[in-house]
Amino acid sequence: MTQMVDLNCDLGESFGAWKMGDDENVMKHISSANVACGFHGGDPRIMEKTVGLAKSLGVGVGAHPGFSDLVGFGRRNIEVSADEARTDVLYQIGALQGFCKKFGVALQHVKPHGQLNNLAMHDAILAEAIVKGVKDFDPHLIVVAYGGQLAKVAEREGMRVAYEVFADREYNADGTLVSRRIPGSVITDADRIMRRAVRMVKEGEVESIDGITLNLKVHTICVHGDTPGAAALVAALRRGFVEEGISVVPMSRILGED
């Protein structure tokens, strides 16, 4: 059987006069785009441009909701109630859907951003709030999670879950991501990223920062749009997957229609 994997990237994170990443070149090599919805990055003009670009390249579109934290780029702990988390997620999905409707693009998935995502690994109340926000909008959407409570709650609620791994981030022994505050937590060596990604897809394994082999469920691989040289990294990943006989397809093809 041909192995398949989705290659996703966080995009549309520029806003106003501030530019983040190289979306135009990254988008050429991925199969799913996680589009910022204005809270941690992005603005209405950028959202429109990003969805239009995804449509033109046949890339699956997903909402990338985060904490309302432009200054911290959504990577700081923000205290919110469960109701605030749920309605913030619902609001951000709805904002992106307006642009999807304009271009005739079906919204494929929702992937929480940054610290909203990281906290939902262990915080069941936050995970439930996020999933409720997604389900309130559309129970057929795919929830992207790298495990933990977010994946458990989504599956319990009968939603499709795309299990995500990170080619350009180091892992702790418990399956969480090493803090960006720690030097070397973000991997930029294209050859190492390629080797890790192929092992993740073919063997379902990755080595943690302290040498522990972790078993992973893999549907989609993320390269962050703000990683230095992200466009070259995703291009190298795509070439490497082709050489290894791994097909790169949107996550909806891997999980099937709901």
C-alpha atoms as a PDB file:
ATOM      1  CA  MET A   1       0.000   0.000   0.000  1.00  0.00           C
ATOM      2  CA  THR A   2       1.289   3.448  -0.886  1.00  0.00           C
ATOM      3  CA  GLN A   3       2.074   5.478   2.197  1.00  0.00           C
ATOM      4  CA  MET A   4       0.508   8.920   2.395  1.00  0.00           C
ATOM      5  CA  VAL A   5       1.153  11.922   4.587  1.00  0.00           C
ATOM      6  CA  ASP A   6      -0.120  15.473   4.745  1.00  0.00           C
ATOM      7  CA  LEU A   7       2.426  18.293   4.846  1.00  0.00           C
ATOM      8  CA  ASN A   8       1.065  21.340   6.670  1.00  0.00           C
ATOM      9  CA  CYS A   9       2.384  24.779   7.507  1.00  0.00           C
ATOM     10  CA  ASP A  10       1.170  27.712   9.604  1.00  0.00           C
ATOM     11  CA  LEU A  11       0.635  30.597   7.183  1.00  0.00           C
ATOM     12  CA  GLY A  12      -1.056  33.974   6.858  1.00  0.00           C
ATOM     13  CA  GLU A  13       0.608  35.200  10.051  1.00  0.00           C
ATOM     14  CA  SER A  14       1.625  38.622   8.719  1.00  0.00           C
ATOM     15  CA  PHE A  15      -0.537  41.604   9.627  1.00  0.00           C
ATOM     16  CA  GLY A  16      -0.580  45.259   8.607  1.00  0.00           C
ATOM     17  CA  ALA A  17       2.924  46.360   7.651  1.00  0.00           C
ATOM     18  CA  TRP A  18       4.518  43.455   9.538  1.00  0.00           C
ATOM     19  CA  LYS A  19       5.548  40.457   7.431  1.00  0.00           C
ATOM     20  CA  MET A  20       6.032  36.924   8.699  1.00  0.00           C
ATOM     21  CA  GLY A  21       7.391  34.076   6.585  1.00  0.00           C
ATOM     22  CA  ASP A  22       7.498  33.340   2.872  1.00  0.00           C
ATOM     23  CA  ASP A  23       3.944  32.160   2.282  1.00  0.00           C
ATOM     24  CA  GLU A  24       3.997  32.323  -1.510  1.00  0.00           C
ATOM     25  CA  ASN A  25       6.923  29.914  -1.830  1.00  0.00           C
ATOM     26  CA  VAL A  26       5.984  27.661   1.088  1.00  0.00           C
ATOM     27  CA  MET A  27       2.475  27.163  -0.268  1.00  0.00           C
ATOM     28  CA  LYS A  28       3.854  25.594  -3.471  1.00  0.00           C
ATOM     29  CA  HIS A  29       5.105  22.543  -1.596  1.00  0.00           C
ATOM     30  CA  ILE A  30       2.519  21.798   1.096  1.00  0.00           C
ATOM     31  CA  SER A  31      -0.859  20.033   0.999  1.00  0.00           C
ATOM     32  CA  SER A  32      -2.631  21.818   3.886  1.00  0.00           C
ATOM     33  CA  ALA A  33      -2.395  25.402   5.176  1.00  0.00           C
ATOM     34  CA  ASN A  34      -3.243  26.505   8.708  1.00  0.00           C
ATOM     35  CA  VAL A  35      -4.391  30.106   8.275  1.00  0.00           C
ATOM     36  CA  ALA A  36      -4.059  32.577  11.148  1.00  0.00           C
ATOM     37  CA  CYS A  37      -7.373  34.202  12.012  1.00  0.00           C
ATOM     38  CA  GLY A  38      -6.360  37.576  13.426  1.00  0.00           C
ATOM     39  CA  PHE A  39      -5.735  36.811  17.106  1.00  0.00           C
ATOM     40  CA  HIS A  40      -2.054  35.793  17.194  1.00  0.00           C
ATOM     41  CA  GLY A  41      -1.346  36.942  13.633  1.00  0.00           C
ATOM     42  CA  GLY A  42      -3.074  37.671  10.365  1.00  0.00           C
ATOM     43  CA  ASP A  43      -5.608  40.308   9.394  1.00  0.00           C
ATOM     44  CA  PRO A  44      -8.557  40.375   6.952  1.00  0.00           C
ATOM     45  CA  ARG A  45      -6.395  41.300   3.945  1.00  0.00           C
ATOM     46  CA  ILE A  46      -3.830  38.609   4.705  1.00  0.00           C
ATOM     47  CA  MET A  47      -6.535  36.017   5.356  1.00  0.00           C
ATOM     48  CA  GLU A  48      -8.138  36.741   1.991  1.00  0.00           C
ATOM     49  CA  LYS A  49      -4.814  36.592   0.174  1.00  0.00           C
ATOM     50  CA  THR A  50      -3.794  33.326   1.873  1.00  0.00           C
ATOM     51  CA  VAL A  51      -7.063  31.519   1.164  1.00  0.00           C
ATOM     52  CA  GLY A  52      -6.955  32.694  -2.457  1.00  0.00           C
ATOM     53  CA  LEU A  53      -3.404  31.416  -2.840  1.00  0.00           C
ATOM     54  CA  ALA A  54      -4.335  28.054  -1.328  1.00  0.00           C
ATOM     55  CA  LYS A  55      -7.277  27.774  -3.722  1.00  0.00           C
ATOM     56  CA  SER A  56      -5.051  28.469  -6.738  1.00  0.00           C
ATOM     57  CA  LEU A  57      -2.590  25.724  -5.698  1.00  0.00           C
ATOM     58  CA  GLY A  58      -5.116  23.115  -4.573  1.00  0.00           C
ATOM     59  CA  VAL A  59      -3.996  23.263  -0.949  1.00  0.00           C
ATOM     60  CA  GLY A  60      -6.417  22.304   1.848  1.00  0.00           C
ATOM     61  CA  VAL A  61      -7.429  25.201   4.100  1.00  0.00           C
ATOM     62  CA  GLY A  62      -7.746  25.098   7.862  1.00  0.00           C
ATOM     63  CA  ALA A  63      -8.326  27.641  10.612  1.00  0.00           C
ATOM     64  CA  HIS A  64      -5.430  28.319  12.978  1.00  0.00           C
ATOM     65  CA  PRO A  65      -7.037  29.942  16.046  1.00  0.00           C
ATOM     66  CA  GLY A  66      -4.878  31.132  18.899  1.00  0.00           C
ATOM     67  CA  PHE A  67      -4.840  33.269  22.009  1.00  0.00           C
ATOM     68  CA  SER A  68      -5.568  36.968  21.512  1.00  0.00           C
ATOM     69  CA  ASP A  69      -1.891  37.896  21.816  1.00  0.00           C
ATOM     70  CA  LEU A  70      -0.354  39.703  18.836  1.00  0.00           C
ATOM     71  CA  VAL A  71       2.572  40.950  20.916  1.00  0.00           C
ATOM     72  CA  GLY A  72       3.497  37.466  22.108  1.00  0.00           C
ATOM     73  CA  PHE A  73       2.512  35.795  18.809  1.00  0.00           C
ATOM     74  CA  GLY A  74       0.203  33.484  20.740  1.00  0.00           C
ATOM     75  CA  ARG A  75       3.122  31.745  22.420  1.00  0.00           C
ATOM     76  CA  ARG A  76       2.513  33.015  25.958  1.00  0.00           C
ATOM     77  CA  ASN A  77       0.262  31.530  28.627  1.00  0.00           C
ATOM     78  CA  ILE A  78      -2.976  33.531  28.657  1.00  0.00           C
ATOM     79  CA  GLU A  79      -5.571  32.796  31.332  1.00  0.00           C
ATOM     80  CA  VAL A  80      -9.003  32.368  29.771  1.00  0.00           C
ATOM     81  CA  SER A  81     -12.176  30.701  30.949  1.00  0.00           C
ATOM     82  CA  ALA A  82     -13.539  27.663  29.149  1.00  0.00           C
ATOM     83  CA  ASP A  83     -16.310  29.826  27.711  1.00  0.00           C
ATOM     84  CA  GLU A  84     -13.808  32.396  26.461  1.00  0.00           C
ATOM     85  CA  ALA A  85     -11.708  29.672  24.808  1.00  0.00           C
ATOM     86  CA  ARG A  86     -14.756  28.118  23.150  1.00  0.00           C
ATOM     87  CA  THR A  87     -16.151  31.379  21.799  1.00  0.00           C
ATOM     88  CA  ASP A  88     -12.731  32.672  20.719  1.00  0.00           C
ATOM     89  CA  VAL A  89     -12.189  29.503  18.680  1.00  0.00           C
ATOM     90  CA  LEU A  90     -15.688  29.696  17.210  1.00  0.00           C
ATOM     91  CA  TYR A  91     -15.212  33.372  16.333  1.00  0.00           C
ATOM     92  CA  GLN A  92     -11.904  32.780  14.560  1.00  0.00           C
ATOM     93  CA  ILE A  93     -13.215  29.840  12.518  1.00  0.00           C
ATOM     94  CA  GLY A  94     -16.177  31.952  11.469  1.00  0.00           C
ATOM     95  CA  ALA A  95     -13.901  34.776  10.342  1.00  0.00           C
ATOM     96  CA  LEU A  96     -11.899  32.473   8.081  1.00  0.00           C
ATOM     97  CA  GLN A  97     -15.024  30.829   6.708  1.00  0.00           C
ATOM     98  CA  GLY A  98     -16.057  34.167   5.189  1.00  0.00           C
ATOM     99  CA  PHE A  99     -13.018  34.097   2.916  1.00  0.00           C
ATOM    100  CA  CYS A 100     -13.421  30.403   2.191  1.00  0.00           C
ATOM    101  CA  LYS A 101     -16.967  31.128   1.051  1.00  0.00           C
ATOM    102  CA  LYS A 102     -15.751  33.906  -1.248  1.00  0.00           C
ATOM    103  CA  PHE A 103     -13.333  31.549  -3.020  1.00  0.00           C
ATOM    104  CA  GLY A 104     -15.596  28.490  -2.942  1.00  0.00           C
ATOM    105  CA  VAL A 105     -13.140  26.598  -0.730  1.00  0.00           C
ATOM    106  CA  ALA A 106     -14.336  23.995   1.757  1.00  0.00           C
ATOM    107  CA  LEU A 107     -12.860  24.503   5.217  1.00  0.00           C
ATOM    108  CA  GLN A 108     -10.960  21.282   5.932  1.00  0.00           C
ATOM    109  CA  HIS A 109      -9.618  21.442   9.478  1.00  0.00           C
ATOM    110  CA  VAL A 110      -8.869  23.387  12.640  1.00  0.00           C
ATOM    111  CA  LYS A 111      -5.453  23.419  14.270  1.00  0.00           C
ATOM    112  CA  PRO A 112      -5.017  25.413  17.492  1.00  0.00           C
ATOM    113  CA  HIS A 113      -1.968  27.670  17.472  1.00  0.00           C
ATOM    114  CA  GLY A 114       0.985  27.957  19.793  1.00  0.00           C
ATOM    115  CA  GLN A 115       0.357  27.924  23.499  1.00  0.00           C
ATOM    116  CA  LEU A 116      -3.375  27.317  23.064  1.00  0.00           C
ATOM    117  CA  ASN A 117      -2.375  24.035  21.419  1.00  0.00           C
ATOM    118  CA  ASN A 118       0.385  23.194  23.891  1.00  0.00           C
ATOM    119  CA  LEU A 119      -1.771  23.759  26.976  1.00  0.00           C
ATOM    120  CA  ALA A 120      -4.552  21.607  25.503  1.00  0.00           C
ATOM    121  CA  MET A 121      -2.180  18.623  25.596  1.00  0.00           C
ATOM    122  CA  HIS A 122      -2.720  18.310  29.367  1.00  0.00           C
ATOM    123  CA  ASP A 123      -5.593  20.665  30.235  1.00  0.00           C
ATOM    124  CA  ALA A 124      -8.789  18.670  29.697  1.00  0.00           C
ATOM    125  CA  ILE A 125     -11.057  21.661  30.374  1.00  0.00           C
ATOM    126  CA  LEU A 126      -9.278  23.767  27.756  1.00  0.00           C
ATOM    127  CA  ALA A 127      -9.263  20.858  25.298  1.00  0.00           C
ATOM    128  CA  GLU A 128     -13.005  20.391  25.772  1.00  0.00           C
ATOM    129  CA  ALA A 129     -13.598  24.096  25.183  1.00  0.00           C
ATOM    130  CA  ILE A 130     -11.578  24.071  21.949  1.00  0.00           C
ATOM    131  CA  VAL A 131     -13.341  20.977  20.632  1.00  0.00           C
ATOM    132  CA  LYS A 132     -16.738  22.401  21.588  1.00  0.00           C
ATOM    133  CA  GLY A 133     -15.945  25.574  19.616  1.00  0.00           C
ATOM    134  CA  VAL A 134     -14.990  23.530  16.555  1.00  0.00           C
ATOM    135  CA  LYS A 135     -17.984  21.221  16.872  1.00  0.00           C
ATOM    136  CA  ASP A 136     -20.374  24.140  17.358  1.00  0.00           C
ATOM    137  CA  PHE A 137     -19.229  25.462  14.000  1.00  0.00           C
ATOM    138  CA  ASP A 138     -19.112  22.179  12.088  1.00  0.00           C
ATOM    139  CA  PRO A 139     -18.791  18.655  13.541  1.00  0.00           C
ATOM    140  CA  HIS A 140     -17.400  17.416  10.217  1.00  0.00           C
ATOM    141  CA  LEU A 141     -14.209  19.481  10.486  1.00  0.00           C
ATOM    142  CA  ILE A 142     -10.933  17.671  11.201  1.00  0.00           C
ATOM    143  CA  VAL A 143      -9.241  18.529  14.498  1.00  0.00           C
ATOM    144  CA  VAL A 144      -5.454  18.583  14.202  1.00  0.00           C
ATOM    145  CA  ALA A 145      -3.704  17.494  17.399  1.00  0.00           C
ATOM    146  CA  TYR A 146      -0.355  16.076  18.403  1.00  0.00           C
ATOM    147  CA  GLY A 147      -1.905  13.893  21.079  1.00  0.00           C
ATOM    148  CA  GLY A 148      -2.901  14.431  24.683  1.00  0.00           C
ATOM    149  CA  GLN A 149      -6.259  15.698  25.892  1.00  0.00           C
ATOM    150  CA  LEU A 150      -7.103  17.538  22.676  1.00  0.00           C
ATOM    151  CA  ALA A 151      -6.978  14.331  20.645  1.00  0.00           C
ATOM    152  CA  LYS A 152      -8.801  12.327  23.328  1.00  0.00           C
ATOM    153  CA  VAL A 153     -11.642  14.818  23.655  1.00  0.00           C
ATOM    154  CA  ALA A 154     -12.067  15.216  19.888  1.00  0.00           C
ATOM    155  CA  GLU A 155     -12.248  11.451  19.397  1.00  0.00           C
ATOM    156  CA  ARG A 156     -14.652  11.086  22.306  1.00  0.00           C
ATOM    157  CA  GLU A 157     -16.887  13.671  20.623  1.00  0.00           C
ATOM    158  CA  GLY A 158     -16.871  11.628  17.428  1.00  0.00           C
ATOM    159  CA  MET A 159     -14.725  14.033  15.429  1.00  0.00           C
ATOM    160  CA  ARG A 160     -11.989  13.088  12.999  1.00  0.00           C
ATOM    161  CA  VAL A 161      -8.493  13.704  14.362  1.00  0.00           C
ATOM    162  CA  ALA A 162      -5.404  14.244  12.231  1.00  0.00           C
ATOM    163  CA  TYR A 163      -2.430  13.300  14.373  1.00  0.00           C
ATOM    164  CA  GLU A 164       0.344  15.805  13.827  1.00  0.00           C
ATOM    165  CA  VAL A 165       4.100  15.522  14.225  1.00  0.00           C
ATOM    166  CA  PHE A 166       6.729  18.228  13.967  1.00  0.00           C
ATOM    167  CA  ALA A 167       9.715  17.744  11.710  1.00  0.00           C
ATOM    168  CA  ASP A 168      11.418  20.944  12.835  1.00  0.00           C
ATOM    169  CA  ARG A 169      10.893  20.734  16.604  1.00  0.00           C
ATOM    170  CA  GLU A 170      12.578  18.702  19.322  1.00  0.00           C
ATOM    171  CA  TYR A 171      10.403  16.488  21.552  1.00  0.00           C
ATOM    172  CA  ASN A 172      10.466  15.879  25.292  1.00  0.00           C
ATOM    173  CA  ALA A 173      10.243  12.305  26.582  1.00  0.00           C
ATOM    174  CA  ASP A 174       6.527  12.780  27.383  1.00  0.00           C
ATOM    175  CA  GLY A 175       5.697  13.658  23.776  1.00  0.00           C
ATOM    176  CA  THR A 176       5.401  17.414  24.339  1.00  0.00           C
ATOM    177  CA  LEU A 177       7.504  19.906  22.407  1.00  0.00           C
ATOM    178  CA  VAL A 178      10.699  21.318  23.880  1.00  0.00           C
ATOM    179  CA  SER A 179      10.206  24.960  24.834  1.00  0.00           C
ATOM    180  CA  ARG A 180      11.353  27.472  22.266  1.00  0.00           C
ATOM    181  CA  ARG A 181      13.256  29.169  25.087  1.00  0.00           C
ATOM    182  CA  ILE A 182      15.734  26.280  25.036  1.00  0.00           C
ATOM    183  CA  PRO A 183      18.506  26.610  22.416  1.00  0.00           C
ATOM    184  CA  GLY A 184      18.214  24.000  19.654  1.00  0.00           C
ATOM    185  CA  SER A 185      14.507  23.357  20.223  1.00  0.00           C
ATOM    186  CA  VAL A 186      13.822  24.461  16.634  1.00  0.00           C
ATOM    187  CA  ILE A 187      15.671  22.336  14.059  1.00  0.00           C
ATOM    188  CA  THR A 188      16.875  24.092  10.904  1.00  0.00           C
ATOM    189  CA  ASP A 189      19.145  21.448   9.343  1.00  0.00           C
ATOM    190  CA  ALA A 190      17.263  20.271   6.224  1.00  0.00           C
ATOM    191  CA  ASP A 191      18.968  16.846   6.098  1.00  0.00           C
ATOM    192  CA  ARG A 192      18.135  16.092   9.723  1.00  0.00           C
ATOM    193  CA  ILE A 193      14.550  17.260   9.270  1.00  0.00           C
ATOM    194  CA  MET A 194      14.236  14.980   6.236  1.00  0.00           C
ATOM    195  CA  ARG A 195      15.578  11.932   8.070  1.00  0.00           C
ATOM    196  CA  ARG A 196      13.295  12.555  11.029  1.00  0.00           C
ATOM    197  CA  ALA A 197      10.243  13.054   8.813  1.00  0.00           C
ATOM    198  CA  VAL A 198      10.785   9.869   6.819  1.00  0.00           C
ATOM    199  CA  ARG A 199      11.283   7.877  10.041  1.00  0.00           C
ATOM    200  CA  MET A 200       8.106   9.406  11.464  1.00  0.00           C
ATOM    201  CA  VAL A 201       6.040   8.341   8.443  1.00  0.00           C
ATOM    202  CA  LYS A 202       7.592   4.940   7.783  1.00  0.00           C
ATOM    203  CA  GLU A 203       8.270   3.773  11.328  1.00  0.00           C
ATOM    204  CA  GLY A 204       6.020   5.974  13.468  1.00  0.00           C
ATOM    205  CA  GLU A 205       8.979   6.947  15.633  1.00  0.00           C
ATOM    206  CA  VAL A 206      11.051   9.950  16.656  1.00  0.00           C
ATOM    207  CA  GLU A 207      13.882  10.328  19.133  1.00  0.00           C
ATOM    208  CA  SER A 208      13.301  12.743  22.021  1.00  0.00           C
ATOM    209  CA  ILE A 209      15.888  15.329  23.023  1.00  0.00           C
ATOM    210  CA  ASP A 210      17.114  12.981  25.770  1.00  0.00           C
ATOM    211  CA  GLY A 211      17.422   9.935  23.503  1.00  0.00           C
ATOM    212  CA  ILE A 212      14.109   8.200  24.215  1.00  0.00           C
ATOM    213  CA  THR A 213      12.340   6.612  21.231  1.00  0.00           C
ATOM    214  CA  LEU A 214       8.751   7.845  21.051  1.00  0.00           C
ATOM    215  CA  ASN A 215       6.006   6.016  19.158  1.00  0.00           C
ATOM    216  CA  LEU A 216       3.844   8.349  17.106  1.00  0.00           C
ATOM    217  CA  LYS A 217       0.609   8.232  15.174  1.00  0.00           C
ATOM    218  CA  VAL A 218       1.208  10.242  12.003  1.00  0.00           C
ATOM    219  CA  HIS A 219      -1.275  11.769   9.581  1.00  0.00           C
ATOM    220  CA  THR A 220       0.266  15.194   9.038  1.00  0.00           C
ATOM    221  CA  ILE A 221       3.731  16.732   9.408  1.00  0.00           C
ATOM    222  CA  CYS A 222       4.181  20.396  10.302  1.00  0.00           C
ATOM    223  CA  VAL A 223       6.936  22.793   9.368  1.00  0.00           C
ATOM    224  CA  HIS A 224       6.448  26.187  10.984  1.00  0.00           C
ATOM    225  CA  GLY A 225       6.172  29.118   8.594  1.00  0.00           C
ATOM    226  CA  ASP A 226       8.425  31.267  10.786  1.00  0.00           C
ATOM    227  CA  THR A 227      11.235  28.698  10.856  1.00  0.00           C
ATOM    228  CA  PRO A 228      14.264  30.183   9.042  1.00  0.00           C
ATOM    229  CA  GLY A 229      14.337  28.883   5.451  1.00  0.00           C
ATOM    230  CA  ALA A 230      10.875  27.300   5.754  1.00  0.00           C
ATOM    231  CA  ALA A 231      10.296  27.326   1.979  1.00  0.00           C
ATOM    232  CA  ALA A 232      13.508  25.409   1.316  1.00  0.00           C
ATOM    233  CA  LEU A 233      12.683  22.971   4.125  1.00  0.00           C
ATOM    234  CA  VAL A 234       9.223  22.068   2.842  1.00  0.00           C
ATOM    235  CA  ALA A 235      10.581  21.759  -0.702  1.00  0.00           C
ATOM    236  CA  ALA A 236      13.256  19.351   0.541  1.00  0.00           C
ATOM    237  CA  LEU A 237      10.661  17.376   2.505  1.00  0.00           C
ATOM    238  CA  ARG A 238       8.410  17.031  -0.512  1.00  0.00           C
ATOM    239  CA  ARG A 239      11.298  15.851  -2.721  1.00  0.00           C
ATOM    240  CA  GLY A 240      12.436  13.425  -0.060  1.00  0.00           C
ATOM    241  CA  PHE A 241       8.972  11.955   0.352  1.00  0.00           C
ATOM    242  CA  VAL A 242       8.684  11.404  -3.386  1.00  0.00           C
ATOM    243  CA  GLU A 243      12.039   9.617  -3.405  1.00  0.00           C
ATOM    244  CA  GLU A 244      10.867   7.395  -0.534  1.00  0.00           C
ATOM    245  CA  GLY A 245       7.593   6.550  -2.286  1.00  0.00           C
ATOM    246  CA  ILE A 246       5.480   8.588   0.137  1.00  0.00           C
ATOM    247  CA  SER A 247       2.586  10.528  -1.398  1.00  0.00           C
ATOM    248  CA  VAL A 248       1.873  14.035  -0.074  1.00  0.00           C
ATOM    249  CA  VAL A 249      -1.894  14.642   0.027  1.00  0.00           C
ATOM    250  CA  PRO A 250      -4.340  16.801   2.035  1.00  0.00           C
ATOM    251  CA  MET A 251      -5.295  15.277   5.377  1.00  0.00           C
ATOM    252  CA  SER A 252      -8.925  14.897   4.273  1.00  0.00           C
ATOM    253  CA  ARG A 253      -7.783  12.262   1.763  1.00  0.00           C
ATOM    254  CA  ILE A 254      -5.966  10.333   4.456  1.00  0.00           C
ATOM    255  CA  LEU A 255      -8.827  10.373   6.945  1.00  0.00           C
ATOM    256  CA  GLY A 256     -11.595  10.010   4.402  1.00  0.00           C
ATOM    257  CA  GLU A 257     -14.764  12.024   3.998  1.00  0.00           C
ATOM    258  CA  ASP A 258     -16.991  12.402   7.026  1.00  0.00           C
END
